[in-house]
Amino acid sequence: GRTGGHRHLADSNVDWGQELKHLADYVEERDLGRIGLAYFGHVAPEVYGLDYFVPAGAPAPGWYAISVNFLVGYSYVVLDNGTVVPAPAERFAAFRDLEPVDTIGGALNVYRVDP
């Protein structure tokens, strides 16, 4: 289903960037501002007005949206403000142990990291 598909599927079977527009709406509705983003797709997040950065290492306090593909260790690339950056399998491993506050379309987990 929408919340557990990533336990059985990966790649475009579960996420192909289809939720980026919904993420932009989510961020705007909640006035989240700048977020950490690692999404599985090829459309520049700026197209939807997202102010974002690609997280690296342990997450600092703030809001994050991470593709379920990266959470299961799928190696791919991410867009970082116009630059394609490699995303090795363990780059976003720090989010695996965190509990998401929401899931958008079964493809993007949303996290809030408190100080």
PDB file of N, CA and C in Angstrom:
ATOM      1  N   GLY A   1       0.810  -1.187   0.000  1.00  0.00           N
ATOM      2  CA  GLY A   1       0.000   0.000   0.000  1.00  0.00           C
ATOM      3  C   GLY A   1       0.853   1.251   0.000  1.00  0.00           C
ATOM      4  N   ARG A   2       0.204   2.355   0.187  1.00  0.00           N
ATOM      5  CA  ARG A   2       0.880   3.657   0.108  1.00  0.00           C
ATOM      6  C   ARG A   2       1.938   3.860   1.174  1.00  0.00           C
ATOM      7  N   THR A   3       1.776   3.258   2.345  1.00  0.00           N
ATOM      8  CA  THR A   3       2.764   3.492   3.398  1.00  0.00           C
ATOM      9  C   THR A   3       3.780   2.371   3.534  1.00  0.00           C
ATOM     10  N   GLY A   4       3.548   1.233   2.885  1.00  0.00           N
ATOM     11  CA  GLY A   4       4.481   0.121   3.032  1.00  0.00           C
ATOM     12  C   GLY A   4       5.054  -0.414   1.745  1.00  0.00           C
ATOM     13  N   GLY A   5       4.730   0.196   0.624  1.00  0.00           N
ATOM     14  CA  GLY A   5       5.202  -0.308  -0.663  1.00  0.00           C
ATOM     15  C   GLY A   5       6.711  -0.385  -0.775  1.00  0.00           C
ATOM     16  N   HIS A   6       7.397   0.551  -0.133  1.00  0.00           N
ATOM     17  CA  HIS A   6       8.863   0.581  -0.215  1.00  0.00           C
ATOM     18  C   HIS A   6       9.506  -0.608   0.498  1.00  0.00           C
ATOM     19  N   ARG A   7       8.753  -1.332   1.289  1.00  0.00           N
ATOM     20  CA  ARG A   7       9.308  -2.530   1.945  1.00  0.00           C
ATOM     21  C   ARG A   7       9.425  -3.702   0.966  1.00  0.00           C
ATOM     22  N   HIS A   8       8.731  -3.573  -0.168  1.00  0.00           N
ATOM     23  CA  HIS A   8       8.707  -4.657  -1.150  1.00  0.00           C
ATOM     24  C   HIS A   8       9.152  -4.231  -2.542  1.00  0.00           C
ATOM     25  N   LEU A   9       9.122  -2.922  -2.804  1.00  0.00           N
ATOM     26  CA  LEU A   9       9.429  -2.407  -4.132  1.00  0.00           C
ATOM     27  C   LEU A   9      10.468  -1.293  -4.033  1.00  0.00           C
ATOM     28  N   ALA A  10      11.146  -1.056  -5.119  1.00  0.00           N
ATOM     29  CA  ALA A  10      12.096   0.056  -5.182  1.00  0.00           C
ATOM     30  C   ALA A  10      12.080   0.625  -6.594  1.00  0.00           C
ATOM     31  N   ASP A  11      12.880   1.659  -6.784  1.00  0.00           N
ATOM     32  CA  ASP A  11      13.019   2.319  -8.073  1.00  0.00           C
ATOM     33  C   ASP A  11      11.669   2.921  -8.488  1.00  0.00           C
ATOM     34  N   SER A  12      11.376   2.945  -9.767  1.00  0.00           N
ATOM     35  CA  SER A  12      10.158   3.583 -10.252  1.00  0.00           C
ATOM     36  C   SER A  12       8.904   2.774  -9.945  1.00  0.00           C
ATOM     37  N   ASN A  13       9.053   1.616  -9.335  1.00  0.00           N
ATOM     38  CA  ASN A  13       7.881   0.851  -8.918  1.00  0.00           C
ATOM     39  C   ASN A  13       7.162   1.517  -7.748  1.00  0.00           C
ATOM     40  N   VAL A  14       7.869   2.361  -7.019  1.00  0.00           N
ATOM     41  CA  VAL A  14       7.265   3.022  -5.868  1.00  0.00           C
ATOM     42  C   VAL A  14       7.411   4.545  -5.939  1.00  0.00           C
ATOM     43  N   ASP A  15       8.461   5.020  -6.547  1.00  0.00           N
ATOM     44  CA  ASP A  15       8.723   6.459  -6.558  1.00  0.00           C
ATOM     45  C   ASP A  15       9.437   6.837  -7.845  1.00  0.00           C
ATOM     46  N   TRP A  16       8.902   7.810  -8.541  1.00  0.00           N
ATOM     47  CA  TRP A  16       9.557   8.346  -9.730  1.00  0.00           C
ATOM     48  C   TRP A  16       9.467   9.857  -9.751  1.00  0.00           C
ATOM     49  N   GLY A  17       9.367  10.428  -8.524  1.00  0.00           N
ATOM     50  CA  GLY A  17       9.304  11.878  -8.417  1.00  0.00           C
ATOM     51  C   GLY A  17       7.907  12.445  -8.530  1.00  0.00           C
ATOM     52  N   GLN A  18       6.906  11.572  -8.533  1.00  0.00           N
ATOM     53  CA  GLN A  18       5.530  12.003  -8.762  1.00  0.00           C
ATOM     54  C   GLN A  18       4.973  12.881  -7.642  1.00  0.00           C
ATOM     55  N   GLU A  19       5.590  12.882  -6.487  1.00  0.00           N
ATOM     56  CA  GLU A  19       5.039  13.623  -5.348  1.00  0.00           C
ATOM     57  C   GLU A  19       5.693  14.981  -5.105  1.00  0.00           C
ATOM     58  N   LEU A  20       6.550  15.409  -5.993  1.00  0.00           N
ATOM     59  CA  LEU A  20       7.244  16.682  -5.798  1.00  0.00           C
ATOM     60  C   LEU A  20       6.270  17.853  -5.728  1.00  0.00           C
ATOM     61  N   LYS A  21       5.287  17.879  -6.595  1.00  0.00           N
ATOM     62  CA  LYS A  21       4.273  18.946  -6.571  1.00  0.00           C
ATOM     63  C   LYS A  21       3.502  18.915  -5.257  1.00  0.00           C
ATOM     64  N   HIS A  22       3.145  17.720  -4.798  1.00  0.00           N
ATOM     65  CA  HIS A  22       2.410  17.607  -3.534  1.00  0.00           C
ATOM     66  C   HIS A  22       3.284  18.047  -2.353  1.00  0.00           C
ATOM     67  N   LEU A  23       4.571  17.772  -2.438  1.00  0.00           N
ATOM     68  CA  LEU A  23       5.486  18.238  -1.399  1.00  0.00           C
ATOM     69  C   LEU A  23       5.502  19.762  -1.361  1.00  0.00           C
ATOM     70  N   ALA A  24       5.558  20.397  -2.517  1.00  0.00           N
ATOM     71  CA  ALA A  24       5.551  21.859  -2.564  1.00  0.00           C
ATOM     72  C   ALA A  24       4.290  22.420  -1.909  1.00  0.00           C
ATOM     73  N   ASP A  25       3.153  21.805  -2.177  1.00  0.00           N
ATOM     74  CA  ASP A  25       1.903  22.232  -1.540  1.00  0.00           C
ATOM     75  C   ASP A  25       1.971  22.021  -0.031  1.00  0.00           C
ATOM     76  N   TYR A  26       2.487  20.893   0.387  1.00  0.00           N
ATOM     77  CA  TYR A  26       2.625  20.543   1.802  1.00  0.00           C
ATOM     78  C   TYR A  26       3.491  21.575   2.529  1.00  0.00           C
ATOM     79  N   VAL A  27       4.627  21.907   1.940  1.00  0.00           N
ATOM     80  CA  VAL A  27       5.547  22.876   2.541  1.00  0.00           C
ATOM     81  C   VAL A  27       4.890  24.249   2.629  1.00  0.00           C
ATOM     82  N   GLU A  28       4.196  24.653   1.574  1.00  0.00           N
ATOM     83  CA  GLU A  28       3.548  25.969   1.565  1.00  0.00           C
ATOM     84  C   GLU A  28       2.412  26.030   2.578  1.00  0.00           C
ATOM     85  N   GLU A  29       1.563  25.011   2.618  1.00  0.00           N
ATOM     86  CA  GLU A  29       0.421  24.989   3.538  1.00  0.00           C
ATOM     87  C   GLU A  29       0.860  25.070   4.996  1.00  0.00           C
ATOM     88  N   ARG A  30       2.021  24.510   5.317  1.00  0.00           N
ATOM     89  CA  ARG A  30       2.503  24.466   6.702  1.00  0.00           C
ATOM     90  C   ARG A  30       3.566  25.523   6.988  1.00  0.00           C
ATOM     91  N   ASP A  31       3.871  26.328   5.959  1.00  0.00           N
ATOM     92  CA  ASP A  31       4.865  27.394   6.088  1.00  0.00           C
ATOM     93  C   ASP A  31       6.178  26.860   6.665  1.00  0.00           C
ATOM     94  N   LEU A  32       6.686  25.778   6.072  1.00  0.00           N
ATOM     95  CA  LEU A  32       7.893  25.131   6.578  1.00  0.00           C
ATOM     96  C   LEU A  32       9.175  25.836   6.159  1.00  0.00           C
ATOM     97  N   GLY A  33       9.103  26.625   5.117  1.00  0.00           N
ATOM     98  CA  GLY A  33      10.313  27.320   4.658  1.00  0.00           C
ATOM     99  C   GLY A  33      11.284  26.364   3.988  1.00  0.00           C
ATOM    100  N   ARG A  34      12.551  26.591   4.207  1.00  0.00           N
ATOM    101  CA  ARG A  34      13.614  25.780   3.585  1.00  0.00           C
ATOM    102  C   ARG A  34      13.638  24.378   4.196  1.00  0.00           C
ATOM    103  N   ILE A  35      13.700  23.387   3.323  1.00  0.00           N
ATOM    104  CA  ILE A  35      13.715  22.001   3.801  1.00  0.00           C
ATOM    105  C   ILE A  35      14.908  21.245   3.219  1.00  0.00           C
ATOM    106  N   GLY A  36      15.297  20.193   3.897  1.00  0.00           N
ATOM    107  CA  GLY A  36      16.259  19.251   3.347  1.00  0.00           C
ATOM    108  C   GLY A  36      15.498  18.317   2.419  1.00  0.00           C
ATOM    109  N   LEU A  37      16.020  18.074   1.235  1.00  0.00           N
ATOM    110  CA  LEU A  37      15.288  17.276   0.252  1.00  0.00           C
ATOM    111  C   LEU A  37      16.215  16.327  -0.491  1.00  0.00           C
ATOM    112  N   ALA A  38      15.791  15.074  -0.533  1.00  0.00           N
ATOM    113  CA  ALA A  38      16.442  14.065  -1.363  1.00  0.00           C
ATOM    114  C   ALA A  38      15.312  13.305  -2.038  1.00  0.00           C
ATOM    115  N   TYR A  39      15.001  13.700  -3.256  1.00  0.00           N
ATOM    116  CA  TYR A  39      13.891  13.048  -3.939  1.00  0.00           C
ATOM    117  C   TYR A  39      14.394  12.327  -5.183  1.00  0.00           C
ATOM    118  N   PHE A  40      13.643  11.337  -5.576  1.00  0.00           N
ATOM    119  CA  PHE A  40      13.986  10.432  -6.654  1.00  0.00           C
ATOM    120  C   PHE A  40      13.282  10.898  -7.918  1.00  0.00           C
ATOM    121  N   GLY A  41      13.938  11.734  -8.703  1.00  0.00           N
ATOM    122  CA  GLY A  41      13.317  12.232  -9.920  1.00  0.00           C
ATOM    123  C   GLY A  41      14.245  13.171 -10.658  1.00  0.00           C
ATOM    124  N   HIS A  42      13.751  13.723 -11.759  1.00  0.00           N
ATOM    125  CA  HIS A  42      14.587  14.555 -12.628  1.00  0.00           C
ATOM    126  C   HIS A  42      14.082  15.979 -12.817  1.00  0.00           C
ATOM    127  N   VAL A  43      12.957  16.320 -12.236  1.00  0.00           N
ATOM    128  CA  VAL A  43      12.450  17.681 -12.356  1.00  0.00           C
ATOM    129  C   VAL A  43      13.079  18.519 -11.252  1.00  0.00           C
ATOM    130  N   ALA A  44      13.567  19.680 -11.597  1.00  0.00           N
ATOM    131  CA  ALA A  44      14.190  20.561 -10.615  1.00  0.00           C
ATOM    132  C   ALA A  44      13.142  21.004  -9.589  1.00  0.00           C
ATOM    133  N   PRO A  45      13.386  20.793  -8.301  1.00  0.00           N
ATOM    134  CA  PRO A  45      12.433  21.205  -7.271  1.00  0.00           C
ATOM    135  C   PRO A  45      12.097  22.695  -7.323  1.00  0.00           C
ATOM    136  N   GLU A  46      13.016  23.508  -7.850  1.00  0.00           N
ATOM    137  CA  GLU A  46      12.767  24.939  -7.966  1.00  0.00           C
ATOM    138  C   GLU A  46      11.565  25.238  -8.859  1.00  0.00           C
ATOM    139  N   VAL A  47      11.267  24.333  -9.789  1.00  0.00           N
ATOM    140  CA  VAL A  47      10.124  24.513 -10.680  1.00  0.00           C
ATOM    141  C   VAL A  47       8.842  24.677  -9.869  1.00  0.00           C
ATOM    142  N   TYR A  48       8.768  24.012  -8.730  1.00  0.00           N
ATOM    143  CA  TYR A  48       7.587  24.083  -7.861  1.00  0.00           C
ATOM    144  C   TYR A  48       7.765  25.080  -6.723  1.00  0.00           C
ATOM    145  N   GLY A  49       8.814  25.872  -6.785  1.00  0.00           N
ATOM    146  CA  GLY A  49       9.020  26.906  -5.788  1.00  0.00           C
ATOM    147  C   GLY A  49       9.620  26.418  -4.481  1.00  0.00           C
ATOM    148  N   LEU A  50      10.181  25.221  -4.479  1.00  0.00           N
ATOM    149  CA  LEU A  50      10.770  24.687  -3.250  1.00  0.00           C
ATOM    150  C   LEU A  50      12.121  25.333  -2.957  1.00  0.00           C
ATOM    151  N   ASP A  51      12.286  25.768  -1.735  1.00  0.00           N
ATOM    152  CA  ASP A  51      13.571  26.259  -1.236  1.00  0.00           C
ATOM    153  C   ASP A  51      14.153  25.091  -0.458  1.00  0.00           C
ATOM    154  N   TYR A  52      15.240  24.520  -0.946  1.00  0.00           N
ATOM    155  CA  TYR A  52      15.725  23.266  -0.375  1.00  0.00           C
ATOM    156  C   TYR A  52      17.242  23.187  -0.390  1.00  0.00           C
ATOM    157  N   PHE A  53      17.730  22.216   0.349  1.00  0.00           N
ATOM    158  CA  PHE A  53      19.140  21.836   0.323  1.00  0.00           C
ATOM    159  C   PHE A  53      19.180  20.315   0.384  1.00  0.00           C
ATOM    160  N   VAL A  54      20.244  19.742  -0.108  1.00  0.00           N
ATOM    161  CA  VAL A  54      20.406  18.287  -0.054  1.00  0.00           C
ATOM    162  C   VAL A  54      21.172  17.957   1.227  1.00  0.00           C
ATOM    163  N   PRO A  55      20.558  17.173   2.117  1.00  0.00           N
ATOM    164  CA  PRO A  55      21.228  16.863   3.377  1.00  0.00           C
ATOM    165  C   PRO A  55      22.465  15.987   3.186  1.00  0.00           C
ATOM    166  N   ALA A  56      23.402  16.180   4.085  1.00  0.00           N
ATOM    167  CA  ALA A  56      24.623  15.365   4.089  1.00  0.00           C
ATOM    168  C   ALA A  56      24.968  15.049   5.533  1.00  0.00           C
ATOM    169  N   GLY A  57      25.243  13.808   5.826  1.00  0.00           N
ATOM    170  CA  GLY A  57      25.599  13.426   7.190  1.00  0.00           C
ATOM    171  C   GLY A  57      24.402  13.414   8.111  1.00  0.00           C
ATOM    172  N   ALA A  58      24.670  13.528   9.409  1.00  0.00           N
ATOM    173  CA  ALA A  58      23.603  13.530  10.407  1.00  0.00           C
ATOM    174  C   ALA A  58      22.734  14.767  10.217  1.00  0.00           C
ATOM    175  N   PRO A  59      21.427  14.599  10.232  1.00  0.00           N
ATOM    176  CA  PRO A  59      20.551  15.749   9.992  1.00  0.00           C
ATOM    177  C   PRO A  59      20.572  16.761  11.136  1.00  0.00           C
ATOM    178  N   ALA A  60      20.707  18.011  10.779  1.00  0.00           N
ATOM    179  CA  ALA A  60      20.611  19.117  11.732  1.00  0.00           C
ATOM    180  C   ALA A  60      19.124  19.377  11.997  1.00  0.00           C
ATOM    181  N   PRO A  61      18.793  20.139  13.027  1.00  0.00           N
ATOM    182  CA  PRO A  61      17.386  20.458  13.274  1.00  0.00           C
ATOM    183  C   PRO A  61      16.744  21.108  12.050  1.00  0.00           C
ATOM    184  N   GLY A  62      15.515  20.710  11.772  1.00  0.00           N
ATOM    185  CA  GLY A  62      14.778  21.263  10.648  1.00  0.00           C
ATOM    186  C   GLY A  62      13.829  20.243  10.046  1.00  0.00           C
ATOM    187  N   TRP A  63      13.306  20.591   8.887  1.00  0.00           N
ATOM    188  CA  TRP A  63      12.362  19.739   8.152  1.00  0.00           C
ATOM    189  C   TRP A  63      13.063  19.087   6.972  1.00  0.00           C
ATOM    190  N   TYR A  64      12.677  17.836   6.689  1.00  0.00           N
ATOM    191  CA  TYR A  64      13.281  17.064   5.608  1.00  0.00           C
ATOM    192  C   TYR A  64      12.219  16.245   4.880  1.00  0.00           C
ATOM    193  N   ALA A  65      12.432  16.033   3.598  1.00  0.00           N
ATOM    194  CA  ALA A  65      11.621  15.103   2.807  1.00  0.00           C
ATOM    195  C   ALA A  65      12.602  14.194   2.074  1.00  0.00           C
ATOM    196  N   ILE A  66      12.487  12.895   2.341  1.00  0.00           N
ATOM    197  CA  ILE A  66      13.434  11.927   1.801  1.00  0.00           C
ATOM    198  C   ILE A  66      12.672  10.839   1.054  1.00  0.00           C
ATOM    199  N   SER A  67      13.082  10.566  -0.167  1.00  0.00           N
ATOM    200  CA  SER A  67      12.452   9.504  -0.960  1.00  0.00           C
ATOM    201  C   SER A  67      12.634   8.156  -0.275  1.00  0.00           C
ATOM    202  N   VAL A  68      11.580   7.357  -0.292  1.00  0.00           N
ATOM    203  CA  VAL A  68      11.669   6.022   0.301  1.00  0.00           C
ATOM    204  C   VAL A  68      12.718   5.169  -0.406  1.00  0.00           C
ATOM    205  N   ASN A  69      13.010   5.450  -1.664  1.00  0.00           N
ATOM    206  CA  ASN A  69      14.067   4.707  -2.360  1.00  0.00           C
ATOM    207  C   ASN A  69      15.411   4.872  -1.660  1.00  0.00           C
ATOM    208  N   PHE A  70      15.701   6.073  -1.206  1.00  0.00           N
ATOM    209  CA  PHE A  70      16.969   6.306  -0.524  1.00  0.00           C
ATOM    210  C   PHE A  70      16.978   5.680   0.865  1.00  0.00           C
ATOM    211  N   LEU A  71      15.819   5.584   1.472  1.00  0.00           N
ATOM    212  CA  LEU A  71      15.739   5.002   2.812  1.00  0.00           C
ATOM    213  C   LEU A  71      16.012   3.503   2.804  1.00  0.00           C
ATOM    214  N   VAL A  72      15.706   2.853   1.686  1.00  0.00           N
ATOM    215  CA  VAL A  72      15.984   1.410   1.600  1.00  0.00           C
ATOM    216  C   VAL A  72      17.365   1.148   1.001  1.00  0.00           C
ATOM    217  N   GLY A  73      18.116   2.211   0.746  1.00  0.00           N
ATOM    218  CA  GLY A  73      19.488   2.049   0.283  1.00  0.00           C
ATOM    219  C   GLY A  73      19.662   2.004  -1.221  1.00  0.00           C
ATOM    220  N   TYR A  74      18.705   2.533  -1.952  1.00  0.00           N
ATOM    221  CA  TYR A  74      18.811   2.569  -3.406  1.00  0.00           C
ATOM    222  C   TYR A  74      19.797   3.668  -3.810  1.00  0.00           C
ATOM    223  N   SER A  75      20.762   3.325  -4.596  1.00  0.00           N
ATOM    224  CA  SER A  75      21.767   4.270  -5.062  1.00  0.00           C
ATOM    225  C   SER A  75      21.275   4.958  -6.333  1.00  0.00           C
ATOM    226  N   TYR A  76      21.397   6.287  -6.380  1.00  0.00           N
ATOM    227  CA  TYR A  76      20.914   7.023  -7.538  1.00  0.00           C
ATOM    228  C   TYR A  76      21.620   8.380  -7.566  1.00  0.00           C
ATOM    229  N   VAL A  77      20.938   9.395  -8.018  1.00  0.00           N
ATOM    230  CA  VAL A  77      21.435  10.769  -8.001  1.00  0.00           C
ATOM    231  C   VAL A  77      20.343  11.665  -7.419  1.00  0.00           C
ATOM    232  N   VAL A  78      20.738  12.860  -6.983  1.00  0.00           N
ATOM    233  CA  VAL A  78      19.771  13.864  -6.556  1.00  0.00           C
ATOM    234  C   VAL A  78      20.115  15.178  -7.249  1.00  0.00           C
ATOM    235  N   LEU A  79      19.116  16.010  -7.395  1.00  0.00           N
ATOM    236  CA  LEU A  79      19.336  17.349  -7.927  1.00  0.00           C
ATOM    237  C   LEU A  79      19.604  18.288  -6.772  1.00  0.00           C
ATOM    238  N   ASP A  80      20.675  19.051  -6.896  1.00  0.00           N
ATOM    239  CA  ASP A  80      21.052  20.007  -5.859  1.00  0.00           C
ATOM    240  C   ASP A  80      21.161  21.381  -6.498  1.00  0.00           C
ATOM    241  N   ASN A  81      20.019  22.060  -6.565  1.00  0.00           N
ATOM    242  CA  ASN A  81      19.962  23.410  -7.130  1.00  0.00           C
ATOM    243  C   ASN A  81      20.655  23.506  -8.486  1.00  0.00           C
ATOM    244  N   GLY A  82      20.256  22.638  -9.388  1.00  0.00           N
ATOM    245  CA  GLY A  82      20.754  22.658 -10.753  1.00  0.00           C
ATOM    246  C   GLY A  82      21.921  21.734 -11.032  1.00  0.00           C
ATOM    247  N   THR A  83      22.458  21.112 -10.008  1.00  0.00           N
ATOM    248  CA  THR A  83      23.589  20.205 -10.180  1.00  0.00           C
ATOM    249  C   THR A  83      23.166  18.783  -9.843  1.00  0.00           C
ATOM    250  N   VAL A  84      23.550  17.844 -10.686  1.00  0.00           N
ATOM    251  CA  VAL A  84      23.275  16.432 -10.418  1.00  0.00           C
ATOM    252  C   VAL A  84      24.386  15.899  -9.524  1.00  0.00           C
ATOM    253  N   VAL A  85      23.999  15.339  -8.376  1.00  0.00           N
ATOM    254  CA  VAL A  85      24.943  14.876  -7.371  1.00  0.00           C
ATOM    255  C   VAL A  85      24.718  13.390  -7.119  1.00  0.00           C
ATOM    256  N   PRO A  86      25.777  12.583  -7.082  1.00  0.00           N
ATOM    257  CA  PRO A  86      25.600  11.158  -6.766  1.00  0.00           C
ATOM    258  C   PRO A  86      24.998  10.977  -5.371  1.00  0.00           C
ATOM    259  N   ALA A  87      24.142   9.994  -5.254  1.00  0.00           N
ATOM    260  CA  ALA A  87      23.546   9.645  -3.962  1.00  0.00           C
ATOM    261  C   ALA A  87      23.805   8.165  -3.714  1.00  0.00           C
ATOM    262  N   PRO A  88      24.987   7.841  -3.158  1.00  0.00           N
ATOM    263  CA  PRO A  88      25.301   6.438  -2.879  1.00  0.00           C
ATOM    264  C   PRO A  88      24.301   5.841  -1.881  1.00  0.00           C
ATOM    265  N   ALA A  89      24.273   4.537  -1.825  1.00  0.00           N
ATOM    266  CA  ALA A  89      23.274   3.797  -1.055  1.00  0.00           C
ATOM    267  C   ALA A  89      23.133   4.254   0.393  1.00  0.00           C
ATOM    268  N   GLU A  90      24.186   4.632   1.041  1.00  0.00           N
ATOM    269  CA  GLU A  90      24.123   4.971   2.462  1.00  0.00           C
ATOM    270  C   GLU A  90      24.075   6.467   2.755  1.00  0.00           C
ATOM    271  N   ARG A  91      23.982   7.295   1.743  1.00  0.00           N
ATOM    272  CA  ARG A  91      24.043   8.750   1.962  1.00  0.00           C
ATOM    273  C   ARG A  91      22.954   9.257   2.911  1.00  0.00           C
ATOM    274  N   PHE A  92      21.769   8.669   2.870  1.00  0.00           N
ATOM    275  CA  PHE A  92      20.661   9.144   3.699  1.00  0.00           C
ATOM    276  C   PHE A  92      20.272   8.136   4.780  1.00  0.00           C
ATOM    277  N   ALA A  93      21.208   7.264   5.119  1.00  0.00           N
ATOM    278  CA  ALA A  93      20.962   6.213   6.114  1.00  0.00           C
ATOM    279  C   ALA A  93      20.566   6.776   7.476  1.00  0.00           C
ATOM    280  N   ALA A  94      21.012   7.969   7.817  1.00  0.00           N
ATOM    281  CA  ALA A  94      20.695   8.562   9.123  1.00  0.00           C
ATOM    282  C   ALA A  94      19.193   8.728   9.331  1.00  0.00           C
ATOM    283  N   PHE A  95      18.428   8.788   8.253  1.00  0.00           N
ATOM    284  CA  PHE A  95      16.978   8.966   8.370  1.00  0.00           C
ATOM    285  C   PHE A  95      16.242   7.656   8.630  1.00  0.00           C
ATOM    286  N   ARG A  96      16.893   6.542   8.423  1.00  0.00           N
ATOM    287  CA  ARG A  96      16.229   5.241   8.591  1.00  0.00           C
ATOM    288  C   ARG A  96      15.718   5.010  10.001  1.00  0.00           C
ATOM    289  N   ASP A  97      16.424   5.517  10.977  1.00  0.00           N
ATOM    290  CA  ASP A  97      16.036   5.301  12.370  1.00  0.00           C
ATOM    291  C   ASP A  97      15.093   6.364  12.902  1.00  0.00           C
ATOM    292  N   LEU A  98      14.781   7.353  12.096  1.00  0.00           N
ATOM    293  CA  LEU A  98      13.865   8.407  12.517  1.00  0.00           C
ATOM    294  C   LEU A  98      12.433   8.053  12.132  1.00  0.00           C
ATOM    295  N   GLU A  99      11.510   8.515  12.927  1.00  0.00           N
ATOM    296  CA  GLU A  99      10.084   8.291  12.650  1.00  0.00           C
ATOM    297  C   GLU A  99       9.561   9.452  11.813  1.00  0.00           C
ATOM    298  N   PRO A 100       9.023   9.179  10.621  1.00  0.00           N
ATOM    299  CA  PRO A 100       8.484  10.284   9.812  1.00  0.00           C
ATOM    300  C   PRO A 100       7.228  10.868  10.463  1.00  0.00           C
ATOM    301  N   VAL A 101       7.047  12.161  10.295  1.00  0.00           N
ATOM    302  CA  VAL A 101       5.820  12.793  10.785  1.00  0.00           C
ATOM    303  C   VAL A 101       4.707  12.664   9.753  1.00  0.00           C
ATOM    304  N   ASP A 102       5.085  12.361   8.529  1.00  0.00           N
ATOM    305  CA  ASP A 102       4.105  12.220   7.455  1.00  0.00           C
ATOM    306  C   ASP A 102       4.747  11.485   6.288  1.00  0.00           C
ATOM    307  N   THR A 103       3.910  10.963   5.419  1.00  0.00           N
ATOM    308  CA  THR A 103       4.359  10.363   4.167  1.00  0.00           C
ATOM    309  C   THR A 103       3.490  10.934   3.057  1.00  0.00           C
ATOM    310  N   ILE A 104       4.120  11.412   2.024  1.00  0.00           N
ATOM    311  CA  ILE A 104       3.394  12.001   0.899  1.00  0.00           C
ATOM    312  C   ILE A 104       3.341  10.975  -0.225  1.00  0.00           C
ATOM    313  N   GLY A 105       2.144  10.494  -0.491  1.00  0.00           N
ATOM    314  CA  GLY A 105       1.917   9.570  -1.592  1.00  0.00           C
ATOM    315  C   GLY A 105       2.683   8.259  -1.519  1.00  0.00           C
ATOM    316  N   GLY A 106       3.140   7.871  -0.369  1.00  0.00           N
ATOM    317  CA  GLY A 106       3.902   6.633  -0.236  1.00  0.00           C
ATOM    318  C   GLY A 106       5.302   6.711  -0.805  1.00  0.00           C
ATOM    319  N   ALA A 107       5.716   7.903  -1.245  1.00  0.00           N
ATOM    320  CA  ALA A 107       7.007   8.035  -1.917  1.00  0.00           C
ATOM    321  C   ALA A 107       7.998   8.923  -1.176  1.00  0.00           C
ATOM    322  N   LEU A 108       7.504   9.902  -0.436  1.00  0.00           N
ATOM    323  CA  LEU A 108       8.376  10.842   0.279  1.00  0.00           C
ATOM    324  C   LEU A 108       8.020  10.831   1.763  1.00  0.00           C
ATOM    325  N   ASN A 109       8.985  10.498   2.595  1.00  0.00           N
ATOM    326  CA  ASN A 109       8.785  10.602   4.033  1.00  0.00           C
ATOM    327  C   ASN A 109       9.190  11.987   4.487  1.00  0.00           C
ATOM    328  N   VAL A 110       8.376  12.574   5.346  1.00  0.00           N
ATOM    329  CA  VAL A 110       8.643  13.905   5.881  1.00  0.00           C
ATOM    330  C   VAL A 110       9.072  13.752   7.336  1.00  0.00           C
ATOM    331  N   TYR A 111      10.173  14.404   7.675  1.00  0.00           N
ATOM    332  CA  TYR A 111      10.740  14.329   9.014  1.00  0.00           C
ATOM    333  C   TYR A 111      10.889  15.727   9.608  1.00  0.00           C
ATOM    334  N   ARG A 112      10.725  15.782  10.901  1.00  0.00           N
ATOM    335  CA  ARG A 112      11.070  17.002  11.648  1.00  0.00           C
ATOM    336  C   ARG A 112      12.133  16.587  12.650  1.00  0.00           C
ATOM    337  N   VAL A 113      13.281  17.200  12.542  1.00  0.00           N
ATOM    338  CA  VAL A 113      14.377  16.917  13.474  1.00  0.00           C
ATOM    339  C   VAL A 113      14.424  18.070  14.459  1.00  0.00           C
ATOM    340  N   ASP A 114      14.202  17.756  15.726  1.00  0.00           N
ATOM    341  CA  ASP A 114      14.226  18.755  16.787  1.00  0.00           C
ATOM    342  C   ASP A 114      15.657  18.980  17.278  1.00  0.00           C
ATOM    343  N   PRO A 115      15.904  20.169  17.841  1.00  0.00           N
ATOM    344  CA  PRO A 115      17.250  20.424  18.390  1.00  0.00           C
ATOM    345  C   PRO A 115      17.577  19.467  19.533  1.00  0.00           C
TER     346      PRO A 115
END
